[in-house]
């Protein structure tokens, strides 16, 4: 995925991407991640808003923490703007979507052993611990922001997801 390291107006650019995702229809079939850092499927859209450097060459605490703080600052600015629009976000823990707790697996039309959380929760639960979620008024959709990292050597990613409210766990 392409990274967006320090553009002139990153918050305006990121909000523009978020606004376009909120209005974009969901596809009928699962898509693959594009070079622009976006992918979609039935009932969801995901995008990488910004990405840090990777940590293959330098995994020192100072470098990693600085990269994470930079993305956390972006997240805080975006969250403040979105909170002004839609009110305070809900914090949603993503670990239940992993399905490790048999008493708390994802309910599907066919619940039982091996039931898998739908996307984008399956992806997000593999890279992040929780997300800030806003329910979008009069749309049947939600928007979430989180910072994820797939592996210690990989970059941190500021992620935005839009999905159908019906996919949220009760």
N, C-alpha and C. Protein backbone atom coordinates (compact mmCIF):
# COMPACT_ATOMS: atom_id res chain seq x y z
N UNK A 1 0.81 -1.17 0.00
CA UNK A 1 0.00 0.00 0.00
C UNK A 1 0.86 1.24 0.00
N UNK A 2 0.39 2.22 -0.68
CA UNK A 2 1.12 3.46 -0.73
C UNK A 2 0.99 4.19 0.59
N UNK A 3 2.03 4.81 1.01
CA UNK A 3 1.96 5.57 2.25
C UNK A 3 1.71 7.03 1.92
N UNK A 4 1.18 7.73 2.89
CA UNK A 4 0.96 9.16 2.77
C UNK A 4 1.79 9.82 3.85
N UNK A 5 3.07 9.96 3.59
CA UNK A 5 3.94 10.61 4.57
C UNK A 5 3.81 12.11 4.39
N UNK A 6 3.43 12.79 5.48
CA UNK A 6 3.41 14.23 5.58
C UNK A 6 2.99 15.03 4.37
N UNK A 7 1.73 15.07 4.01
CA UNK A 7 1.29 15.98 2.96
C UNK A 7 1.08 17.36 3.57
N UNK A 8 0.87 18.37 2.73
CA UNK A 8 0.75 19.74 3.22
C UNK A 8 -0.44 19.92 4.16
N UNK A 9 -1.57 19.29 3.85
CA UNK A 9 -2.76 19.39 4.68
C UNK A 9 -3.30 17.99 4.94
N UNK A 10 -2.60 17.19 5.74
CA UNK A 10 -3.03 15.80 5.88
C UNK A 10 -4.43 15.64 6.45
N UNK A 11 -4.83 16.49 7.40
CA UNK A 11 -6.15 16.33 7.99
C UNK A 11 -7.24 16.60 6.96
N UNK A 12 -7.12 17.67 6.17
CA UNK A 12 -8.10 17.96 5.12
C UNK A 12 -8.16 16.82 4.11
N UNK A 13 -7.02 16.32 3.71
CA UNK A 13 -6.98 15.21 2.75
C UNK A 13 -7.62 13.96 3.35
N UNK A 14 -7.32 13.67 4.60
CA UNK A 14 -7.87 12.48 5.25
C UNK A 14 -9.37 12.61 5.43
N UNK A 15 -9.85 13.79 5.79
CA UNK A 15 -11.29 14.01 5.93
C UNK A 15 -12.00 13.87 4.58
N UNK A 16 -11.37 14.30 3.53
CA UNK A 16 -11.93 14.15 2.19
C UNK A 16 -12.08 12.67 1.83
N UNK A 17 -11.08 11.88 2.15
CA UNK A 17 -11.15 10.44 1.91
C UNK A 17 -12.27 9.82 2.75
N UNK A 18 -12.34 10.20 4.01
CA UNK A 18 -13.38 9.68 4.91
C UNK A 18 -14.77 10.03 4.37
N UNK A 19 -14.96 11.28 3.97
CA UNK A 19 -16.26 11.70 3.45
C UNK A 19 -16.64 10.91 2.20
N UNK A 20 -15.66 10.66 1.33
CA UNK A 20 -15.97 9.90 0.11
C UNK A 20 -16.34 8.46 0.45
N UNK A 21 -15.67 7.87 1.44
CA UNK A 21 -16.00 6.49 1.84
C UNK A 21 -17.40 6.40 2.45
N UNK A 22 -17.78 7.41 3.21
CA UNK A 22 -19.09 7.41 3.86
C UNK A 22 -20.22 7.43 2.83
N UNK A 23 -19.98 8.04 1.68
CA UNK A 23 -21.01 8.17 0.65
C UNK A 23 -20.93 7.07 -0.41
N UNK A 24 -19.83 6.37 -0.48
CA UNK A 24 -19.61 5.38 -1.54
C UNK A 24 -20.47 4.14 -1.34
N UNK A 25 -21.16 3.68 -2.39
CA UNK A 25 -21.93 2.44 -2.24
C UNK A 25 -21.00 1.25 -1.97
N UNK A 26 -21.52 0.26 -1.28
CA UNK A 26 -20.74 -0.95 -1.01
C UNK A 26 -20.83 -1.87 -2.24
N UNK A 27 -19.72 -2.52 -2.58
CA UNK A 27 -19.77 -3.45 -3.72
C UNK A 27 -20.48 -4.75 -3.34
N UNK A 28 -20.89 -5.47 -4.34
CA UNK A 28 -21.55 -6.75 -4.11
C UNK A 28 -20.56 -7.88 -3.88
N UNK A 29 -19.33 -7.71 -4.35
CA UNK A 29 -18.31 -8.76 -4.21
C UNK A 29 -17.10 -8.22 -3.46
N UNK A 30 -16.39 -9.15 -2.84
CA UNK A 30 -15.17 -8.83 -2.10
C UNK A 30 -14.11 -8.31 -3.07
N UNK A 31 -13.46 -7.21 -2.72
CA UNK A 31 -12.38 -6.68 -3.53
C UNK A 31 -11.04 -6.96 -2.88
N UNK A 32 -10.00 -6.70 -3.61
CA UNK A 32 -8.65 -6.87 -3.10
C UNK A 32 -8.06 -5.50 -2.80
N UNK A 33 -7.13 -5.44 -1.83
CA UNK A 33 -6.50 -4.15 -1.55
C UNK A 33 -5.89 -3.55 -2.81
N UNK A 34 -6.15 -2.28 -3.03
CA UNK A 34 -5.59 -1.59 -4.18
C UNK A 34 -4.31 -0.88 -3.82
N UNK A 35 -3.62 -0.42 -4.83
CA UNK A 35 -2.37 0.30 -4.62
C UNK A 35 -2.61 1.64 -3.91
N UNK A 36 -3.86 2.10 -3.92
CA UNK A 36 -4.17 3.35 -3.25
C UNK A 36 -4.50 3.15 -1.77
N UNK A 37 -4.35 1.91 -1.28
CA UNK A 37 -4.60 1.64 0.14
C UNK A 37 -6.06 1.48 0.49
N UNK A 38 -6.90 1.24 -0.52
CA UNK A 38 -8.33 1.07 -0.29
C UNK A 38 -8.75 -0.34 -0.69
N UNK A 39 -9.72 -0.85 0.03
CA UNK A 39 -10.39 -2.07 -0.40
C UNK A 39 -11.78 -2.12 0.21
N UNK A 40 -12.65 -2.86 -0.46
CA UNK A 40 -14.06 -2.89 -0.09
C UNK A 40 -14.62 -4.28 -0.30
N UNK A 41 -15.76 -4.49 0.28
CA UNK A 41 -16.49 -5.72 0.10
C UNK A 41 -17.95 -5.46 0.46
N UNK A 42 -18.76 -6.50 0.42
CA UNK A 42 -20.16 -6.31 0.77
C UNK A 42 -20.30 -5.74 2.18
N UNK A 43 -20.84 -4.54 2.29
CA UNK A 43 -21.10 -3.94 3.59
C UNK A 43 -19.96 -3.20 4.24
N UNK A 44 -18.84 -2.98 3.53
CA UNK A 44 -17.74 -2.24 4.17
C UNK A 44 -16.78 -1.63 3.15
N UNK A 45 -16.04 -0.64 3.64
CA UNK A 45 -14.90 -0.04 2.95
C UNK A 45 -13.79 0.11 3.99
N UNK A 46 -12.55 -0.07 3.57
CA UNK A 46 -11.37 0.16 4.42
C UNK A 46 -10.37 1.01 3.64
N UNK A 47 -9.65 1.86 4.35
CA UNK A 47 -8.61 2.65 3.70
C UNK A 47 -7.48 2.92 4.69
N UNK A 48 -6.28 2.94 4.16
CA UNK A 48 -5.11 3.38 4.92
C UNK A 48 -4.99 4.88 4.68
N UNK A 49 -5.23 5.66 5.73
CA UNK A 49 -5.15 7.11 5.60
C UNK A 49 -3.71 7.60 5.64
N UNK A 50 -2.91 6.93 6.42
CA UNK A 50 -1.50 7.31 6.55
C UNK A 50 -0.74 6.12 7.09
N UNK A 51 0.51 6.06 6.74
CA UNK A 51 1.36 4.92 7.11
C UNK A 51 2.71 5.44 7.55
N UNK A 52 3.26 4.85 8.60
CA UNK A 52 4.60 5.23 9.07
C UNK A 52 5.64 4.52 8.21
N UNK A 53 6.86 4.74 8.54
CA UNK A 53 7.94 3.96 7.94
C UNK A 53 7.82 2.53 8.42
N UNK A 54 8.49 1.61 7.75
CA UNK A 54 8.56 0.25 8.28
C UNK A 54 9.74 0.17 9.25
N UNK A 55 9.87 -0.95 9.94
CA UNK A 55 10.88 -1.07 10.98
C UNK A 55 11.82 -2.25 10.75
N UNK A 56 12.04 -2.58 9.48
CA UNK A 56 12.95 -3.68 9.15
C UNK A 56 14.38 -3.35 9.54
N UNK A 57 14.80 -2.12 9.30
CA UNK A 57 16.19 -1.74 9.55
C UNK A 57 16.43 -1.18 10.94
N UNK A 58 15.42 -0.58 11.53
CA UNK A 58 15.61 0.04 12.85
C UNK A 58 14.34 -0.15 13.67
N UNK A 59 14.41 -1.04 14.62
CA UNK A 59 13.28 -1.32 15.51
C UNK A 59 13.54 -0.74 16.90
N UNK A 60 14.39 0.28 16.97
CA UNK A 60 14.70 0.86 18.27
C UNK A 60 13.45 1.51 18.87
N UNK A 61 13.40 1.52 20.18
CA UNK A 61 12.24 2.05 20.90
C UNK A 61 11.95 3.50 20.52
N UNK A 62 12.99 4.31 20.36
CA UNK A 62 12.80 5.72 20.02
C UNK A 62 12.15 5.88 18.66
N UNK A 63 12.58 5.12 17.68
CA UNK A 63 12.05 5.22 16.32
C UNK A 63 10.61 4.74 16.28
N UNK A 64 10.34 3.62 16.90
CA UNK A 64 8.99 3.05 16.89
C UNK A 64 8.02 3.97 17.63
N UNK A 65 8.39 4.42 18.81
CA UNK A 65 7.51 5.29 19.58
C UNK A 65 7.24 6.61 18.88
N UNK A 66 8.25 7.18 18.22
CA UNK A 66 8.06 8.43 17.49
C UNK A 66 7.07 8.24 16.34
N UNK A 67 7.18 7.15 15.63
CA UNK A 67 6.26 6.87 14.52
C UNK A 67 4.84 6.67 15.03
N UNK A 68 4.70 5.96 16.11
CA UNK A 68 3.38 5.72 16.67
C UNK A 68 2.75 7.02 17.19
N UNK A 69 3.54 7.84 17.87
CA UNK A 69 3.04 9.13 18.38
C UNK A 69 2.55 10.04 17.24
N UNK A 70 3.26 10.03 16.12
CA UNK A 70 2.87 10.86 14.98
C UNK A 70 1.50 10.44 14.45
N UNK A 71 1.27 9.14 14.33
CA UNK A 71 -0.03 8.68 13.85
C UNK A 71 -1.12 8.89 14.91
N UNK A 72 -0.77 8.74 16.17
CA UNK A 72 -1.74 9.02 17.24
C UNK A 72 -2.17 10.48 17.22
N UNK A 73 -1.24 11.38 16.90
CA UNK A 73 -1.58 12.80 16.80
C UNK A 73 -2.56 13.03 15.65
N UNK A 74 -2.32 12.40 14.50
CA UNK A 74 -3.26 12.49 13.38
C UNK A 74 -4.63 11.95 13.77
N UNK A 75 -4.63 10.81 14.45
CA UNK A 75 -5.89 10.20 14.89
C UNK A 75 -6.64 11.15 15.82
N UNK A 76 -5.94 11.79 16.74
CA UNK A 76 -6.57 12.70 17.70
C UNK A 76 -7.22 13.89 16.98
N UNK A 77 -6.54 14.45 15.98
CA UNK A 77 -7.09 15.59 15.23
C UNK A 77 -8.32 15.15 14.45
N UNK A 78 -8.24 14.02 13.78
CA UNK A 78 -9.40 13.51 13.04
C UNK A 78 -10.56 13.21 13.98
N UNK A 79 -10.26 12.57 15.10
CA UNK A 79 -11.30 12.22 16.05
C UNK A 79 -11.99 13.47 16.60
N UNK A 80 -11.25 14.51 16.86
CA UNK A 80 -11.85 15.76 17.36
C UNK A 80 -12.78 16.35 16.31
N UNK A 81 -12.37 16.34 15.07
CA UNK A 81 -13.21 16.87 13.98
C UNK A 81 -14.48 16.04 13.82
N UNK A 82 -14.33 14.73 13.84
CA UNK A 82 -15.50 13.85 13.68
C UNK A 82 -16.43 13.93 14.89
N UNK A 83 -15.86 14.13 16.07
CA UNK A 83 -16.67 14.29 17.28
C UNK A 83 -17.50 15.58 17.19
N UNK A 84 -16.92 16.62 16.62
CA UNK A 84 -17.69 17.86 16.41
C UNK A 84 -18.88 17.61 15.48
N UNK A 85 -18.70 16.73 14.50
CA UNK A 85 -19.76 16.42 13.54
C UNK A 85 -20.85 15.53 14.14
N UNK A 86 -20.41 14.43 14.80
CA UNK A 86 -21.33 13.34 15.13
C UNK A 86 -21.39 13.01 16.62
N UNK A 87 -20.73 13.76 17.46
CA UNK A 87 -20.73 13.46 18.88
C UNK A 87 -19.60 12.52 19.26
N UNK A 88 -19.54 12.21 20.53
CA UNK A 88 -18.44 11.36 21.05
C UNK A 88 -18.50 9.97 20.45
N UNK A 89 -17.32 9.42 20.14
CA UNK A 89 -17.29 8.07 19.58
C UNK A 89 -17.45 7.02 20.66
N UNK A 90 -17.82 5.86 20.24
CA UNK A 90 -17.86 4.67 21.08
C UNK A 90 -16.50 3.98 20.89
N UNK A 91 -15.91 3.47 21.95
CA UNK A 91 -14.69 2.67 21.82
C UNK A 91 -15.12 1.22 21.72
N UNK A 92 -14.72 0.58 20.64
CA UNK A 92 -15.11 -0.81 20.38
C UNK A 92 -13.86 -1.69 20.47
N UNK A 93 -13.89 -2.64 21.39
CA UNK A 93 -12.80 -3.62 21.50
C UNK A 93 -12.90 -4.58 20.32
N UNK A 94 -11.77 -4.86 19.70
CA UNK A 94 -11.77 -5.73 18.52
C UNK A 94 -11.46 -7.18 18.85
N UNK A 95 -10.92 -7.48 20.03
CA UNK A 95 -10.52 -8.85 20.34
C UNK A 95 -11.68 -9.84 20.25
N UNK A 96 -12.93 -9.46 20.62
CA UNK A 96 -14.00 -10.46 20.51
C UNK A 96 -14.22 -10.96 19.08
N UNK A 97 -13.87 -10.14 18.09
CA UNK A 97 -14.05 -10.53 16.70
C UNK A 97 -13.04 -11.58 16.25
N UNK A 98 -12.01 -11.81 17.07
CA UNK A 98 -11.04 -12.85 16.73
C UNK A 98 -11.62 -14.25 16.89
N UNK A 99 -12.63 -14.38 17.74
CA UNK A 99 -13.30 -15.66 17.90
C UNK A 99 -12.59 -16.64 18.81
N UNK A 100 -11.66 -16.17 19.64
CA UNK A 100 -10.95 -17.08 20.53
C UNK A 100 -11.78 -17.47 21.74
N UNK A 101 -12.68 -16.62 22.15
CA UNK A 101 -13.53 -16.87 23.31
C UNK A 101 -14.80 -17.54 22.83
N UNK A 102 -14.93 -18.83 23.09
CA UNK A 102 -16.06 -19.59 22.55
C UNK A 102 -17.40 -19.10 23.08
N UNK A 103 -17.43 -18.44 24.23
CA UNK A 103 -18.68 -17.90 24.75
C UNK A 103 -19.02 -16.56 24.12
N UNK A 104 -18.08 -15.99 23.36
CA UNK A 104 -18.29 -14.66 22.81
C UNK A 104 -17.93 -14.61 21.33
N UNK A 105 -18.24 -15.69 20.61
CA UNK A 105 -17.95 -15.69 19.18
C UNK A 105 -18.96 -14.82 18.46
N UNK A 106 -18.64 -14.48 17.26
CA UNK A 106 -19.50 -13.62 16.47
C UNK A 106 -20.77 -14.36 16.08
N UNK A 107 -21.91 -13.73 16.29
CA UNK A 107 -23.19 -14.32 15.91
C UNK A 107 -23.42 -14.11 14.42
N UNK A 108 -23.63 -15.19 13.71
CA UNK A 108 -23.95 -15.12 12.29
C UNK A 108 -25.28 -15.82 12.08
N UNK A 109 -25.73 -15.89 10.86
CA UNK A 109 -26.97 -16.63 10.58
C UNK A 109 -26.80 -18.10 10.89
N UNK A 110 -25.55 -18.57 10.90
CA UNK A 110 -25.25 -19.97 11.18
C UNK A 110 -24.21 -20.02 12.29
N UNK A 111 -24.57 -19.57 13.52
CA UNK A 111 -23.58 -19.52 14.59
C UNK A 111 -23.10 -20.92 14.97
N UNK A 112 -21.96 -20.98 15.52
CA UNK A 112 -21.42 -22.25 15.96
C UNK A 112 -19.92 -22.27 15.78
N UNK A 113 -19.34 -23.44 16.02
CA UNK A 113 -17.88 -23.53 15.90
C UNK A 113 -17.43 -23.11 14.51
N UNK A 114 -16.39 -22.34 14.49
CA UNK A 114 -15.82 -21.91 13.23
C UNK A 114 -16.49 -20.68 12.65
N UNK A 115 -17.47 -20.10 13.35
CA UNK A 115 -18.06 -18.88 12.81
C UNK A 115 -17.01 -17.78 12.81
N UNK A 116 -16.99 -17.02 11.74
CA UNK A 116 -15.95 -16.02 11.53
C UNK A 116 -16.61 -14.65 11.45
N UNK A 117 -15.97 -13.68 12.09
CA UNK A 117 -16.47 -12.31 12.03
C UNK A 117 -16.42 -11.82 10.59
N UNK A 118 -17.36 -10.98 10.22
CA UNK A 118 -17.33 -10.42 8.86
C UNK A 118 -16.24 -9.37 8.74
N UNK A 119 -15.85 -9.09 7.52
CA UNK A 119 -14.97 -7.96 7.27
C UNK A 119 -15.79 -6.68 7.46
N UNK A 120 -15.21 -5.64 7.90
CA UNK A 120 -13.80 -5.41 8.11
C UNK A 120 -13.29 -5.81 9.48
N UNK A 121 -14.19 -6.38 10.32
CA UNK A 121 -13.80 -6.72 11.69
C UNK A 121 -12.71 -7.77 11.75
N UNK A 122 -12.75 -8.73 10.86
CA UNK A 122 -11.74 -9.78 10.86
C UNK A 122 -10.36 -9.18 10.63
N UNK A 123 -10.23 -8.31 9.63
CA UNK A 123 -8.96 -7.66 9.36
C UNK A 123 -8.55 -6.77 10.52
N UNK A 124 -9.45 -5.89 10.94
CA UNK A 124 -9.12 -4.92 12.00
C UNK A 124 -8.71 -5.61 13.30
N UNK A 125 -9.37 -6.70 13.64
CA UNK A 125 -9.04 -7.39 14.89
C UNK A 125 -7.66 -8.04 14.82
N UNK A 126 -7.14 -8.26 13.62
CA UNK A 126 -5.80 -8.82 13.48
C UNK A 126 -4.69 -7.80 13.56
N UNK A 127 -5.03 -6.50 13.48
CA UNK A 127 -3.98 -5.48 13.49
C UNK A 127 -4.13 -4.44 14.60
N UNK A 128 -5.30 -4.39 15.24
CA UNK A 128 -5.54 -3.35 16.25
C UNK A 128 -6.31 -3.93 17.43
N UNK A 129 -6.23 -3.25 18.55
CA UNK A 129 -6.91 -3.71 19.75
C UNK A 129 -8.30 -3.13 19.93
N UNK A 130 -8.48 -1.89 19.48
CA UNK A 130 -9.79 -1.26 19.57
C UNK A 130 -9.90 -0.19 18.50
N UNK A 131 -11.10 0.37 18.37
CA UNK A 131 -11.32 1.42 17.38
C UNK A 131 -12.30 2.43 17.95
N UNK A 132 -12.21 3.65 17.45
CA UNK A 132 -13.16 4.71 17.77
C UNK A 132 -14.24 4.66 16.71
N UNK A 133 -15.50 4.55 17.14
CA UNK A 133 -16.59 4.34 16.21
C UNK A 133 -17.68 5.39 16.38
N UNK A 134 -18.07 5.97 15.26
CA UNK A 134 -19.19 6.91 15.21
C UNK A 134 -20.29 6.28 14.37
N UNK A 135 -21.51 6.39 14.85
CA UNK A 135 -22.67 5.96 14.05
C UNK A 135 -23.09 7.17 13.21
N UNK A 136 -23.19 6.96 11.92
CA UNK A 136 -23.51 8.06 11.01
C UNK A 136 -25.02 8.24 10.95
N UNK A 137 -25.50 9.42 11.32
CA UNK A 137 -26.95 9.65 11.40
C UNK A 137 -27.67 9.37 10.08
N UNK A 138 -28.81 8.74 10.20
CA UNK A 138 -29.72 8.52 9.07
C UNK A 138 -29.08 7.81 7.88
N UNK A 139 -28.10 6.95 8.14
CA UNK A 139 -27.44 6.28 7.02
C UNK A 139 -27.37 4.76 7.17
N UNK A 140 -27.57 4.25 8.39
CA UNK A 140 -27.39 2.81 8.61
C UNK A 140 -25.93 2.39 8.53
N UNK A 141 -25.03 3.37 8.69
CA UNK A 141 -23.59 3.11 8.59
C UNK A 141 -22.86 3.61 9.84
N UNK A 142 -21.66 3.10 10.00
CA UNK A 142 -20.75 3.58 11.04
C UNK A 142 -19.42 3.89 10.38
N UNK A 143 -18.63 4.71 11.07
CA UNK A 143 -17.27 5.02 10.65
C UNK A 143 -16.37 4.77 11.84
N UNK A 144 -15.23 4.14 11.60
CA UNK A 144 -14.28 3.88 12.68
C UNK A 144 -12.87 4.29 12.27
N UNK A 145 -12.10 4.70 13.26
CA UNK A 145 -10.68 5.01 13.09
C UNK A 145 -9.89 4.18 14.08
N UNK A 146 -8.73 3.72 13.64
CA UNK A 146 -7.82 3.01 14.53
C UNK A 146 -6.42 3.08 13.97
N UNK A 147 -5.47 2.71 14.79
CA UNK A 147 -4.09 2.55 14.34
C UNK A 147 -3.77 1.07 14.46
N UNK A 148 -3.27 0.50 13.38
CA UNK A 148 -2.95 -0.92 13.37
C UNK A 148 -1.53 -1.17 12.91
N UNK A 149 -1.08 -2.36 13.26
CA UNK A 149 0.23 -2.81 12.80
C UNK A 149 0.16 -4.33 12.69
N UNK A 150 0.41 -4.84 11.49
CA UNK A 150 0.26 -6.26 11.23
C UNK A 150 1.40 -7.10 11.81
N UNK A 151 2.57 -6.52 11.95
CA UNK A 151 3.75 -7.24 12.43
C UNK A 151 4.74 -6.19 12.95
N UNK A 152 5.57 -6.53 13.93
CA UNK A 152 6.48 -5.52 14.50
C UNK A 152 7.41 -4.83 13.50
N UNK A 153 7.73 -5.48 12.40
CA UNK A 153 8.61 -4.85 11.41
C UNK A 153 7.84 -4.00 10.40
N UNK A 154 6.55 -4.15 10.35
CA UNK A 154 5.73 -3.44 9.37
C UNK A 154 5.37 -2.05 9.88
N UNK A 155 4.93 -1.18 8.99
CA UNK A 155 4.55 0.17 9.41
C UNK A 155 3.29 0.18 10.27
N UNK A 156 3.15 1.23 11.06
CA UNK A 156 1.88 1.53 11.69
C UNK A 156 1.00 2.13 10.60
N UNK A 157 -0.30 1.86 10.68
CA UNK A 157 -1.23 2.41 9.70
C UNK A 157 -2.39 3.09 10.42
N UNK A 158 -2.71 4.28 9.99
CA UNK A 158 -3.92 4.96 10.43
C UNK A 158 -5.02 4.49 9.49
N UNK A 159 -5.99 3.77 10.03
CA UNK A 159 -7.02 3.13 9.22
C UNK A 159 -8.38 3.75 9.47
N UNK A 160 -9.16 3.85 8.41
CA UNK A 160 -10.56 4.24 8.52
C UNK A 160 -11.38 3.12 7.91
N UNK A 161 -12.50 2.83 8.55
CA UNK A 161 -13.41 1.81 8.04
C UNK A 161 -14.82 2.36 8.10
N UNK A 162 -15.61 2.00 7.10
CA UNK A 162 -17.02 2.34 7.06
C UNK A 162 -17.76 1.04 6.86
N UNK A 163 -18.82 0.85 7.61
CA UNK A 163 -19.58 -0.40 7.48
C UNK A 163 -21.05 -0.20 7.77
N UNK A 164 -21.78 -1.27 7.55
CA UNK A 164 -23.20 -1.29 7.84
C UNK A 164 -23.43 -1.49 9.34
N UNK A 165 -24.31 -0.71 9.89
CA UNK A 165 -24.60 -0.81 11.32
C UNK A 165 -25.06 -2.21 11.71
N UNK A 166 -25.73 -2.90 10.82
CA UNK A 166 -26.23 -4.23 11.12
C UNK A 166 -25.12 -5.23 11.39
N UNK A 167 -23.88 -4.94 10.97
CA UNK A 167 -22.76 -5.85 11.19
C UNK A 167 -22.14 -5.70 12.57
N UNK A 168 -22.50 -4.64 13.30
CA UNK A 168 -21.91 -4.42 14.63
C UNK A 168 -22.45 -5.46 15.60
N UNK A 169 -21.58 -5.86 16.51
CA UNK A 169 -22.02 -6.77 17.58
C UNK A 169 -22.96 -6.02 18.49
N UNK A 170 -23.94 -6.71 19.03
CA UNK A 170 -24.87 -6.03 19.95
C UNK A 170 -24.16 -5.55 21.21
